[in-house]
Amino acid sequence: HLALALTAPQFRDTWEPLEEELGVKPKQLRPAALASLGGFFAQAEAQAEAWLLGLCSDLHEPRGAGALKPLKGLASAYGKLTEGLVERSVEAKLLLLAALAGEHLFLLGSPGTAKSLLARRLSKVCEGSYFERLLTRFTVPEELFGPLSLHALEEDELRRKTQGYLPECDVAFIDEIFKANSSILNSLLVILNERRFDNGDQRVLVPLWTAVAASNELPDTEELDALYDRFLLRRHVSRISRRSVPDFLKMTLSREEAKGAAGGNGVAARAGQGGTLLSIEDSWDLQRRAMEVDFPEDLLVVIADLREFLAEAEPRFEVSDRRLARSVRLLRIAAAAAGGTTVVEADLLLLRHMFWDREPEQGQLVTEWLLRRLGDTGDGKKAWSFLLEGLQTRLRHGVRGPALEAARKDLRNLQQAASRAMLRLAQIARDAPTPLKEEGASGGVTVDRFFWLSDAERRHAAELGDKCAEEAEKLQELLKEVSVLIQTVAVDDDRERERLLARRLGIKRQQQEEKAIRYDEWGDEI
């Protein structure tokens, strides 16, 4: 009885020290302690506890603690991108993720918010060639793709000298992208989507790793929609918040002092440091490795439901087939880069950076919908207690013959459905991240399974895990009662079965009242 009391749910806080002291999990003590009591209901609860232990043993270990290690150099690259910057953690992570996945990033925001600086730093991280251009309505193809070759013209050929221009760069930054005119639009689309460039009569491969586009406005014509759709990741870059301005100013002053101490050129003093932290070869290897990452089918269903929701939401957003396919590919790559072997629920929060169109607020709508959807198994968990109460009411009125068989079947169906829901909730709780102790730290970052999430997204995912853990525990208690009732209604002798049900369900009978029989918690006579 002492073992049962110490391991009861209301004394859960004592479980951990008890486990350390005894070297055995408290949940494993309960079936043995119950079985030692000898009564019918003690034995039934022992079997129910053992069955639940076996059921929960089918849960996967937290996928955050996978056998794979995070991508080497990822933490260092992130540190280089965010060095001396304030509130640019999310932008740096999205830029790295775009590069590793071979995708492109669009940054919406006013000038002076470090958009081009991040792109330049990425080119230094990979030690690749960098191309930057500001587009206007009058930008000509020569400014992006290179001037025509005079030597080729002498040979009656139309070719461009592409060295130092977009067709031969590794990282590109294109400012005011939506001012692109029709003379450059088609070639730009082919470069971004297919990594190819039509130079004269030849279609050549382009080494472009990733392109970062920036604008302080969104496309206003259908002609630019195709270009906009090429940028899978999107982020609205805000100015530094008021609370971070003092830190930003301190960093600025410290940087100036460091330059003075280095002879006025702090950048040059750091030029020889580092080396290639991430390369395009690393991204190719990661993309191959990501093909082995498992993507659970139930999460694919969630994404499909999200697409339908956005198509009917206000403001409305039609997720294109290309964007849908590339988004699931990117989620696998994100999981692989962080050392995961399976895409988990928290990874889906990255969809907020892919599934918005004309309104950045749509990203928050995506997050809210995902948290609601993932917290609900879709199996009607809120109705479990009502279903059990309905079955208990039927059993209180006495059932025999066909009614008994129907009750037995309904109990088994309830057990199966509630078991699936409980396992789903428990797995979400097990896979959920833990909240960060300190938010916004840009130095000394550790790459864990949930590296790509922002502090807020990580906090939301942790809260979702806590909620699912609580719901899973409630379902476990319900499943114990269902299991005991299944064993009780399985008794063949009608009178014995009704006697046991009377004890379990609290049915008052005349003979019990006359004898004043008392029972303990497990139905044994005292």
Protein backbone atom coordinates (compact mmCIF):
# COMPACT_ATOMS: atom_id res chain seq x y z
CA HIS A 1 0.00 0.00 0.00
CA LEU A 2 2.90 2.34 0.70
CA ALA A 3 4.33 1.66 -2.77
CA LEU A 4 0.95 2.39 -4.36
CA ALA A 5 0.57 5.61 -2.38
CA LEU A 6 4.05 6.89 -3.29
CA THR A 7 3.53 6.15 -6.97
CA ALA A 8 0.03 7.60 -7.21
CA PRO A 9 -0.40 10.42 -9.78
CA GLN A 10 -0.94 13.05 -7.07
CA PHE A 11 2.55 12.26 -5.70
CA ARG A 12 4.24 12.40 -9.09
CA ASP A 13 6.87 14.81 -7.80
CA THR A 14 8.29 12.03 -5.64
CA TRP A 15 8.78 9.66 -8.55
CA GLU A 16 12.12 10.98 -9.76
CA PRO A 17 13.99 10.74 -6.41
CA LEU A 18 12.30 7.38 -5.79
CA GLU A 19 13.56 6.13 -9.15
CA GLU A 20 17.08 7.29 -8.38
CA GLU A 21 16.99 5.71 -4.91
CA LEU A 22 15.57 2.32 -5.91
CA GLY A 23 17.02 2.03 -9.40
CA VAL A 24 13.60 1.04 -10.76
CA LYS A 25 10.90 3.05 -12.47
CA PRO A 26 7.97 3.70 -10.09
CA LYS A 27 5.45 2.86 -12.82
CA GLN A 28 6.88 -0.65 -12.87
CA LEU A 29 6.28 -1.02 -9.14
CA ARG A 30 2.54 -0.51 -9.37
CA PRO A 31 1.55 -3.70 -11.26
CA ALA A 32 3.57 -5.85 -8.84
CA ALA A 33 2.19 -4.05 -5.78
CA LEU A 34 -1.38 -4.35 -7.02
CA ALA A 35 -0.96 -8.03 -7.90
CA SER A 36 0.26 -8.74 -4.36
CA LEU A 37 -3.11 -7.63 -2.88
CA GLY A 38 -4.95 -10.61 -4.26
CA GLY A 39 -8.46 -9.20 -4.84
CA PHE A 40 -10.22 -9.21 -8.22
CA PHE A 41 -9.96 -5.48 -8.83
CA ALA A 42 -6.38 -5.35 -7.58
CA GLN A 43 -5.52 -8.03 -10.14
CA ALA A 44 -7.54 -6.24 -12.82
CA GLU A 45 -5.78 -2.93 -12.15
CA ALA A 46 -2.43 -4.74 -12.13
CA GLN A 47 -3.16 -6.07 -15.61
CA ALA A 48 -4.36 -2.61 -16.72
CA GLU A 49 -1.18 -0.96 -15.44
CA ALA A 50 1.00 -3.60 -17.12
CA TRP A 51 -0.93 -3.25 -20.37
CA LEU A 52 -0.43 0.53 -20.34
CA LEU A 53 3.29 0.11 -19.66
CA GLY A 54 3.58 -2.18 -22.66
CA LEU A 55 1.52 0.20 -24.77
CA CYS A 56 3.70 3.19 -23.87
CA SER A 57 6.86 1.19 -24.55
CA ASP A 58 5.92 1.39 -28.24
CA LEU A 59 6.55 5.14 -28.15
CA HIS A 60 9.64 6.29 -29.99
CA GLU A 61 12.43 7.90 -28.06
CA PRO A 62 12.45 11.70 -28.38
CA ARG A 63 13.44 12.39 -31.93
CA GLY A 64 15.37 15.39 -30.67
CA ALA A 65 17.92 12.93 -29.31
CA GLY A 66 18.56 11.19 -32.59
CA ALA A 67 21.64 9.20 -33.50
CA LEU A 68 22.74 11.78 -36.07
CA LYS A 69 24.79 14.84 -35.22
CA PRO A 70 23.90 18.36 -36.36
CA LEU A 71 25.64 19.64 -39.44
CA LYS A 72 29.27 20.51 -38.72
CA GLY A 73 29.99 24.21 -38.96
CA LEU A 74 26.37 25.26 -38.58
CA ALA A 75 26.85 26.93 -35.19
CA SER A 76 29.99 28.76 -36.34
CA ALA A 77 28.28 29.96 -39.53
CA TYR A 78 25.32 31.23 -37.53
CA GLY A 79 27.65 33.03 -35.16
CA LYS A 80 29.43 34.74 -38.07
CA LEU A 81 26.16 35.88 -39.61
CA THR A 82 24.79 37.35 -36.39
CA GLU A 83 28.03 38.85 -35.03
CA GLY A 84 27.34 42.40 -33.89
CA LEU A 85 23.69 42.27 -34.95
CA VAL A 86 20.62 42.64 -32.76
CA GLU A 87 17.27 40.89 -33.38
CA ARG A 88 18.46 39.24 -36.59
CA SER A 89 18.55 35.65 -35.31
CA VAL A 90 15.54 34.46 -37.34
CA GLU A 91 16.77 36.11 -40.55
CA ALA A 92 20.21 34.49 -40.16
CA LYS A 93 18.69 31.05 -39.57
CA LEU A 94 16.38 31.37 -42.57
CA LEU A 95 19.29 32.46 -44.76
CA LEU A 96 21.36 29.45 -43.69
CA LEU A 97 18.40 27.12 -44.19
CA ALA A 98 17.74 28.56 -47.67
CA ALA A 99 21.38 28.05 -48.63
CA LEU A 100 21.55 24.48 -47.31
CA ALA A 101 18.32 23.56 -49.11
CA GLY A 102 19.26 25.33 -52.34
CA GLU A 103 16.30 27.67 -51.96
CA HIS A 104 15.95 31.46 -51.99
CA LEU A 105 14.96 33.96 -49.31
CA PHE A 106 12.82 37.08 -49.68
CA LEU A 107 13.17 39.85 -47.08
CA LEU A 108 10.46 42.48 -46.86
CA GLY A 109 11.37 45.64 -44.99
CA SER A 110 12.62 49.19 -45.10
CA PRO A 111 16.26 50.05 -45.93
CA GLY A 112 18.89 49.91 -43.23
CA THR A 113 17.81 46.65 -41.56
CA ALA A 114 20.96 44.59 -42.39
CA LYS A 115 19.40 42.64 -45.27
CA SER A 116 22.32 43.01 -47.67
CA LEU A 117 24.84 42.62 -44.81
CA LEU A 118 23.54 39.13 -44.06
CA ALA A 119 23.89 38.10 -47.70
CA ARG A 120 27.47 39.44 -47.88
CA ARG A 121 28.37 37.59 -44.71
CA LEU A 122 26.98 34.35 -46.14
CA SER A 123 29.32 34.66 -49.11
CA LYS A 124 32.23 35.00 -46.66
CA VAL A 125 31.02 31.98 -44.69
CA CYS A 126 31.18 29.80 -47.80
CA GLU A 127 34.10 31.79 -49.31
CA GLY A 128 32.14 32.07 -52.51
CA SER A 129 31.70 34.83 -55.08
CA TYR A 130 29.13 37.49 -54.29
CA PHE A 131 26.94 39.58 -56.58
CA GLU A 132 24.76 42.50 -55.54
CA ARG A 133 22.55 44.74 -57.60
CA LEU A 134 19.83 47.32 -57.01
CA LEU A 135 17.09 47.07 -59.63
CA THR A 136 15.11 49.95 -61.08
CA ARG A 137 12.45 50.16 -63.76
CA PHE A 138 15.24 51.00 -66.21
CA THR A 139 17.66 48.19 -65.28
CA VAL A 140 18.98 46.54 -68.45
CA PRO A 141 20.05 42.87 -68.81
CA GLU A 142 23.71 43.88 -69.04
CA GLU A 143 23.65 44.99 -65.41
CA LEU A 144 22.66 41.53 -64.18
CA PHE A 145 23.92 39.06 -66.75
CA GLY A 146 27.00 40.85 -68.11
CA PRO A 147 27.79 42.86 -71.25
CA LEU A 148 27.75 41.41 -74.73
CA SER A 149 31.07 39.95 -75.84
CA LEU A 150 32.56 42.02 -78.67
CA HIS A 151 34.74 39.10 -79.68
CA ALA A 152 31.66 36.89 -80.03
CA LEU A 153 29.90 39.57 -82.08
CA GLU A 154 32.80 39.55 -84.53
CA GLU A 155 32.10 35.85 -85.01
CA ASP A 156 28.41 36.56 -85.53
CA GLU A 157 27.45 35.13 -82.13
CA LEU A 158 25.41 36.71 -79.34
CA ARG A 159 27.09 35.84 -76.05
CA ARG A 160 27.65 37.67 -72.81
CA LYS A 161 30.73 38.08 -70.65
CA THR A 162 29.26 36.68 -67.44
CA GLN A 163 32.32 36.74 -65.20
CA GLY A 164 31.57 38.81 -62.10
CA TYR A 165 27.83 38.84 -62.77
CA LEU A 166 24.79 36.88 -61.62
CA PRO A 167 25.34 33.78 -63.84
CA GLU A 168 28.70 33.08 -62.19
CA CYS A 169 28.14 33.99 -58.54
CA ASP A 170 27.56 31.74 -55.52
CA VAL A 171 25.51 34.14 -53.41
CA ALA A 172 23.39 36.93 -54.87
CA PHE A 173 21.59 39.85 -53.31
CA ILE A 174 19.00 41.57 -55.47
CA ASP A 175 17.50 44.70 -53.99
CA GLU A 176 14.08 46.01 -55.06
CA ILE A 177 13.49 42.73 -56.89
CA PHE A 178 9.97 43.62 -57.96
CA LYS A 179 11.20 46.48 -60.10
CA ALA A 180 12.48 43.87 -62.54
CA ASN A 181 11.19 44.58 -66.05
CA SER A 182 10.20 42.12 -68.72
CA SER A 183 13.62 42.26 -70.45
CA ILE A 184 15.29 40.51 -67.50
CA LEU A 185 12.38 38.65 -65.93
CA ASN A 186 12.48 35.43 -67.97
CA SER A 187 16.24 34.92 -67.62
CA LEU A 188 16.02 35.66 -63.90
CA LEU A 189 13.24 33.08 -63.44
CA VAL A 190 15.29 30.38 -65.18
CA ILE A 191 18.37 31.13 -63.08
CA LEU A 192 16.43 31.03 -59.80
CA ASN A 193 14.41 27.93 -60.57
CA GLU A 194 16.63 25.78 -62.78
CA ARG A 195 20.14 27.16 -62.05
CA ARG A 196 20.69 27.62 -65.78
CA PHE A 197 21.36 30.60 -68.03
CA ASP A 198 20.82 30.93 -71.77
CA ASN A 199 24.01 32.49 -73.09
CA GLY A 200 23.64 32.75 -76.83
CA ASP A 201 22.82 29.35 -78.25
CA GLN A 202 24.05 27.55 -75.12
CA ARG A 203 22.26 26.84 -71.86
CA VAL A 204 24.94 26.79 -69.17
CA LEU A 205 24.80 25.71 -65.53
CA VAL A 206 24.81 28.44 -62.90
CA PRO A 207 26.73 27.86 -59.61
CA LEU A 208 24.22 29.94 -57.63
CA TRP A 209 23.94 28.60 -54.07
CA THR A 210 21.19 30.92 -52.90
CA ALA A 211 19.70 34.28 -53.78
CA VAL A 212 18.43 36.84 -51.31
CA ALA A 213 15.88 39.31 -52.61
CA ALA A 214 14.78 42.42 -50.77
CA SER A 215 12.05 44.96 -51.22
CA ASN A 216 10.02 47.42 -49.19
CA GLU A 217 6.92 46.54 -51.18
CA LEU A 218 5.16 43.43 -52.44
CA PRO A 219 4.41 42.64 -56.11
CA ASP A 220 1.41 44.49 -57.48
CA THR A 221 1.03 42.75 -60.86
CA GLU A 222 0.35 39.17 -61.90
CA GLU A 223 3.45 39.33 -64.08
CA LEU A 224 5.59 39.31 -60.93
CA ASP A 225 3.71 36.53 -59.12
CA ALA A 226 5.84 33.82 -60.74
CA LEU A 227 9.00 35.58 -59.59
CA TYR A 228 7.61 35.98 -56.08
CA ASP A 229 6.75 32.28 -55.89
CA ARG A 230 10.39 31.34 -56.57
CA PHE A 231 11.29 32.57 -53.07
CA LEU A 232 10.21 29.74 -50.80
CA LEU A 233 11.23 31.42 -47.55
CA ARG A 234 9.83 34.84 -46.72
CA ARG A 235 10.45 37.12 -43.79
CA HIS A 236 9.25 40.56 -42.79
CA VAL A 237 12.26 42.40 -41.30
CA SER A 238 11.28 44.99 -38.73
CA ARG A 239 13.41 47.74 -37.32
CA ILE A 240 15.09 47.06 -33.98
CA SER A 241 12.58 47.19 -31.14
CA ARG A 242 12.81 49.96 -28.58
CA ARG A 243 13.97 47.66 -25.79
CA SER A 244 16.96 46.49 -27.88
CA VAL A 245 18.12 49.93 -29.02
CA PRO A 246 20.49 50.45 -26.02
CA ASP A 247 22.19 47.09 -26.69
CA PHE A 248 22.47 47.95 -30.37
CA LEU A 249 24.08 51.29 -29.60
CA LYS A 250 26.53 49.68 -27.16
CA MET A 251 27.54 47.18 -29.84
CA THR A 252 28.06 50.01 -32.30
CA LEU A 253 30.32 51.92 -29.90
CA SER A 254 32.27 48.77 -29.02
CA ARG A 255 32.80 48.05 -32.70
CA GLU A 256 34.15 51.56 -33.27
CA GLU A 257 36.53 51.18 -30.33
CA ALA A 258 37.73 47.83 -31.69
CA LYS A 259 38.41 49.41 -35.08
CA GLY A 260 40.45 52.13 -33.42
CA ALA A 261 42.47 49.57 -31.47
CA ALA A 262 43.14 47.64 -34.69
CA GLY A 263 44.45 50.67 -36.52
CA GLY A 264 41.16 51.81 -37.97
CA ASN A 265 40.39 48.63 -39.89
CA GLY A 266 38.83 46.00 -37.69
CA VAL A 267 37.42 44.17 -40.69
CA ALA A 268 40.84 43.74 -42.23
CA ALA A 269 42.18 42.49 -38.90
CA ARG A 270 39.65 39.65 -39.01
CA ALA A 271 40.08 38.87 -42.68
CA GLY A 272 42.43 35.98 -42.11
CA GLN A 273 40.26 34.32 -39.48
CA GLY A 274 37.90 31.44 -40.00
CA GLY A 275 37.87 29.89 -43.47
CA THR A 276 35.09 27.98 -45.14
CA LEU A 277 32.51 27.16 -42.49
CA LEU A 278 29.85 25.83 -44.86
CA SER A 279 30.17 25.04 -48.54
CA ILE A 280 27.87 24.15 -51.37
CA GLU A 281 29.26 20.62 -51.16
CA ASP A 282 28.02 20.48 -47.56
CA SER A 283 24.55 21.44 -48.75
CA TRP A 284 24.58 18.75 -51.46
CA ASP A 285 25.64 16.12 -48.93
CA LEU A 286 22.95 17.32 -46.51
CA GLN A 287 20.26 17.16 -49.20
CA ARG A 288 21.23 13.56 -49.95
CA ARG A 289 21.16 12.72 -46.25
CA ALA A 290 17.76 14.35 -45.87
CA MET A 291 16.25 11.79 -48.25
CA GLU A 292 16.54 9.27 -45.42
CA VAL A 293 14.63 11.46 -42.95
CA ASP A 294 11.21 10.00 -42.20
CA PHE A 295 8.17 12.22 -42.74
CA PRO A 296 5.20 10.73 -40.82
CA GLU A 297 2.04 10.45 -42.87
CA ASP A 298 -0.10 12.12 -40.20
CA LEU A 299 2.05 15.26 -40.48
CA LEU A 300 1.60 15.26 -44.25
CA VAL A 301 -2.16 15.20 -43.61
CA VAL A 302 -1.75 18.22 -41.31
CA ILE A 303 0.04 20.15 -44.07
CA ALA A 304 -2.68 19.23 -46.56
CA ASP A 305 -5.33 20.45 -44.11
CA LEU A 306 -3.38 23.67 -43.58
CA ARG A 307 -3.37 24.31 -47.31
CA GLU A 308 -7.14 23.91 -47.42
CA PHE A 309 -7.53 26.21 -44.43
CA LEU A 310 -5.46 28.97 -46.04
CA ALA A 311 -7.45 28.69 -49.27
CA GLU A 312 -10.61 29.54 -47.31
CA ALA A 313 -9.13 31.91 -44.71
CA GLU A 314 -9.21 35.68 -44.78
CA PRO A 315 -6.97 36.94 -46.31
CA ARG A 316 -7.02 34.05 -48.75
CA PHE A 317 -3.80 32.37 -49.92
CA GLU A 318 -3.57 29.66 -52.55
CA VAL A 319 -0.43 27.58 -51.87
CA SER A 320 0.93 26.51 -55.25
CA ASP A 321 1.82 22.88 -55.91
CA ARG A 322 5.47 23.85 -56.35
CA ARG A 323 5.54 25.69 -53.01
CA LEU A 324 3.80 22.78 -51.29
CA ALA A 325 6.32 20.23 -52.63
CA ARG A 326 9.34 22.39 -51.84
CA SER A 327 8.09 23.10 -48.32
CA VAL A 328 8.04 19.43 -47.27
CA ARG A 329 11.48 18.96 -48.85
CA LEU A 330 12.81 21.91 -46.86
CA LEU A 331 11.36 20.53 -43.60
CA ARG A 332 13.25 17.27 -44.13
CA ILE A 333 16.47 19.17 -44.79
CA ALA A 334 15.94 21.30 -41.68
CA ALA A 335 15.48 18.16 -39.58
CA ALA A 336 18.58 16.51 -41.06
CA ALA A 337 20.74 19.62 -40.51
CA ALA A 338 19.72 19.67 -36.83
CA GLY A 339 20.54 15.99 -36.38
CA GLY A 340 17.01 14.57 -36.62
CA THR A 341 15.98 11.34 -38.29
CA THR A 342 12.26 12.17 -38.35
CA VAL A 343 10.24 15.30 -38.97
CA VAL A 344 8.32 16.13 -35.79
CA GLU A 345 5.41 18.43 -34.99
CA ALA A 346 7.60 21.35 -33.91
CA ASP A 347 9.29 21.38 -37.34
CA LEU A 348 5.98 22.35 -38.94
CA LEU A 349 6.17 25.76 -37.26
CA LEU A 350 8.70 26.70 -39.96
CA LEU A 351 5.79 26.74 -42.40
CA ARG A 352 4.92 30.22 -41.14
CA HIS A 353 7.91 31.47 -43.18
CA MET A 354 6.67 29.74 -46.34
CA PHE A 355 2.88 29.98 -46.30
CA TRP A 356 2.16 33.70 -46.51
CA ASP A 357 1.52 35.85 -49.52
CA ARG A 358 0.55 39.54 -49.43
CA GLU A 359 0.13 39.83 -45.65
CA PRO A 360 3.03 38.89 -43.34
CA GLU A 361 0.41 38.44 -40.59
CA GLN A 362 -0.65 35.26 -42.38
CA GLY A 363 2.45 33.67 -40.87
CA GLN A 364 1.06 34.16 -37.38
CA LEU A 365 -2.24 32.70 -38.56
CA VAL A 366 -0.35 29.59 -39.71
CA THR A 367 1.29 29.22 -36.30
CA GLU A 368 -1.98 29.56 -34.41
CA TRP A 369 -3.73 27.04 -36.66
CA LEU A 370 -0.90 24.51 -36.32
CA LEU A 371 -0.86 24.74 -32.52
CA ARG A 372 -4.62 24.15 -32.41
CA ARG A 373 -4.49 21.32 -34.91
CA LEU A 374 -1.53 19.52 -33.37
CA GLY A 375 -3.05 19.75 -29.90
CA ASP A 376 -6.16 17.96 -31.15
CA THR A 377 -5.76 14.37 -32.34
CA GLY A 378 -8.97 14.59 -34.34
CA ASP A 379 -10.34 11.52 -32.52
CA GLY A 380 -12.63 13.45 -30.19
CA LYS A 381 -10.53 13.25 -27.03
CA LYS A 382 -12.91 15.65 -25.27
CA ALA A 383 -15.69 13.08 -25.64
CA TRP A 384 -13.83 10.14 -24.06
CA SER A 385 -15.14 10.75 -20.54
CA PHE A 386 -18.70 11.14 -21.84
CA LEU A 387 -18.44 7.87 -23.75
CA LEU A 388 -17.16 6.09 -20.65
CA GLU A 389 -19.91 7.56 -18.49
CA GLY A 390 -22.51 6.37 -20.99
CA LEU A 391 -21.14 2.83 -20.87
CA GLN A 392 -21.02 2.89 -17.08
CA THR A 393 -24.68 3.96 -16.98
CA ARG A 394 -25.65 1.04 -19.21
CA LEU A 395 -23.72 -1.37 -16.97
CA ARG A 396 -25.37 0.00 -13.83
CA HIS A 397 -28.78 -0.97 -15.18
CA GLY A 398 -27.63 -4.55 -15.65
CA VAL A 399 -26.86 -6.12 -19.01
CA ARG A 400 -27.12 -9.70 -20.18
CA GLY A 401 -27.27 -11.53 -23.46
CA PRO A 402 -27.01 -9.33 -26.60
CA ALA A 403 -26.84 -6.16 -24.49
CA LEU A 404 -23.81 -7.57 -22.69
CA GLU A 405 -22.07 -8.42 -25.95
CA ALA A 406 -22.79 -4.91 -27.24
CA ALA A 407 -21.31 -3.39 -24.06
CA ARG A 408 -18.20 -5.58 -24.38
CA LYS A 409 -17.74 -4.49 -28.00
CA ASP A 410 -18.24 -0.81 -27.19
CA LEU A 411 -15.69 -1.00 -24.37
CA ARG A 412 -13.11 -2.58 -26.71
CA ASN A 413 -13.77 0.06 -29.38
CA LEU A 414 -13.38 2.84 -26.80
CA GLN A 415 -10.14 1.28 -25.60
CA GLN A 416 -8.69 1.12 -29.13
CA ALA A 417 -9.68 4.67 -30.08
CA ALA A 418 -8.54 6.22 -26.80
CA SER A 419 -5.26 4.27 -26.99
CA ARG A 420 -4.47 5.75 -30.39
CA ALA A 421 -5.24 9.24 -29.14
CA MET A 422 -3.17 8.76 -25.99
CA LEU A 423 -0.14 7.49 -27.90
CA ARG A 424 -0.35 10.38 -30.32
CA LEU A 425 -0.48 12.95 -27.52
CA ALA A 426 2.29 11.23 -25.57
CA GLN A 427 4.55 11.17 -28.63
CA ILE A 428 3.99 14.88 -29.28
CA ALA A 429 4.87 15.59 -25.64
CA ARG A 430 7.98 13.42 -25.85
CA ASP A 431 9.16 15.11 -29.06
CA ALA A 432 8.52 18.67 -27.84
CA PRO A 433 11.48 20.97 -27.12
CA THR A 434 12.35 22.50 -23.79
CA PRO A 435 12.15 26.31 -23.55
CA LEU A 436 15.39 28.24 -23.81
CA LYS A 437 16.66 29.65 -20.54
CA GLU A 438 17.88 32.83 -22.19
CA GLU A 439 16.26 34.41 -25.23
CA GLY A 440 17.95 36.24 -28.01
CA ALA A 441 21.50 35.07 -27.30
CA SER A 442 23.56 35.38 -30.48
CA GLY A 443 26.90 34.21 -29.19
CA GLY A 444 27.98 30.72 -28.20
CA VAL A 445 24.88 29.17 -29.67
CA THR A 446 24.39 25.42 -29.41
CA VAL A 447 22.82 23.61 -32.32
CA ASP A 448 20.19 21.21 -31.03
CA ARG A 449 17.27 19.44 -32.69
CA PHE A 450 15.17 22.62 -32.64
CA PHE A 451 17.86 25.05 -33.75
CA TRP A 452 15.76 26.50 -36.58
CA LEU A 453 12.92 27.63 -34.32
CA SER A 454 12.84 31.15 -32.96
CA ASP A 455 12.60 31.66 -29.20
CA ALA A 456 8.86 32.33 -29.50
CA GLU A 457 8.26 29.29 -31.72
CA ARG A 458 10.25 27.10 -29.37
CA ARG A 459 8.21 28.37 -26.42
CA HIS A 460 4.96 27.65 -28.27
CA ALA A 461 6.14 24.12 -29.10
CA ALA A 462 7.15 23.50 -25.47
CA GLU A 463 3.74 24.68 -24.25
CA LEU A 464 2.09 22.38 -26.78
CA GLY A 465 4.15 19.48 -25.38
CA ASP A 466 3.07 20.27 -21.82
CA LYS A 467 -0.57 20.43 -22.88
CA CYS A 468 -0.36 17.12 -24.74
CA ALA A 469 1.40 15.46 -21.78
CA GLU A 470 -1.41 16.54 -19.48
CA GLU A 471 -4.08 15.25 -21.88
CA ALA A 472 -2.20 11.96 -22.34
CA GLU A 473 -2.11 11.40 -18.57
CA LYS A 474 -5.88 11.97 -18.35
CA LEU A 475 -6.44 9.43 -21.10
CA GLN A 476 -4.18 6.93 -19.34
CA GLU A 477 -6.34 7.12 -16.21
CA LEU A 478 -9.44 6.67 -18.35
CA LEU A 479 -7.87 3.70 -20.15
CA LYS A 480 -7.11 2.02 -16.82
CA GLU A 481 -10.79 2.19 -15.88
CA VAL A 482 -11.84 0.95 -19.32
CA SER A 483 -9.42 -1.98 -19.03
CA VAL A 484 -10.78 -2.92 -15.59
CA LEU A 485 -14.35 -2.79 -16.89
CA ILE A 486 -13.40 -4.98 -19.88
CA GLN A 487 -12.03 -7.59 -17.47
CA THR A 488 -15.10 -7.28 -15.27
CA VAL A 489 -17.68 -7.77 -18.03
CA ALA A 490 -15.63 -10.74 -19.27
CA VAL A 491 -16.66 -12.74 -16.16
CA ASP A 492 -18.99 -15.51 -17.37
CA ASP A 493 -21.07 -16.00 -14.22
CA ASP A 494 -23.92 -13.47 -14.34
CA ARG A 495 -24.35 -13.07 -10.60
CA GLU A 496 -20.62 -12.75 -9.94
CA ARG A 497 -20.23 -10.24 -12.79
CA GLU A 498 -23.13 -8.12 -11.51
CA ARG A 499 -21.74 -8.27 -8.00
CA LEU A 500 -18.36 -7.02 -9.21
CA LEU A 501 -19.95 -4.29 -11.31
CA ALA A 502 -21.99 -3.20 -8.31
CA ARG A 503 -18.80 -2.77 -6.30
CA ARG A 504 -16.91 -1.01 -9.09
CA LEU A 505 -19.67 1.33 -10.16
CA GLY A 506 -21.07 2.02 -6.68
CA ILE A 507 -24.46 0.37 -7.21
CA LYS A 508 -26.36 0.12 -3.91
CA ARG A 509 -27.94 -3.23 -3.26
CA GLN A 510 -30.24 -4.13 -0.39
CA GLN A 511 -28.17 -7.03 0.86
CA GLN A 512 -25.02 -4.94 0.86
CA GLU A 513 -26.69 -2.23 2.90
CA GLU A 514 -28.02 -4.75 5.44
CA LYS A 515 -24.64 -6.39 5.96
CA ALA A 516 -22.83 -3.00 5.90
CA ILE A 517 -20.03 -4.51 3.83
CA ARG A 518 -17.17 -2.09 3.21
CA TYR A 519 -14.62 -2.32 0.42
CA ASP A 520 -11.20 -0.83 -0.15
CA GLU A 521 -10.20 1.11 -3.28
CA TRP A 522 -9.71 -2.07 -5.27
CA GLY A 523 -13.05 -3.66 -4.39
CA ASP A 524 -11.80 -6.08 -1.74
CA GLU A 525 -13.96 -6.60 1.34
CA ILE A 526 -12.64 -4.97 4.47
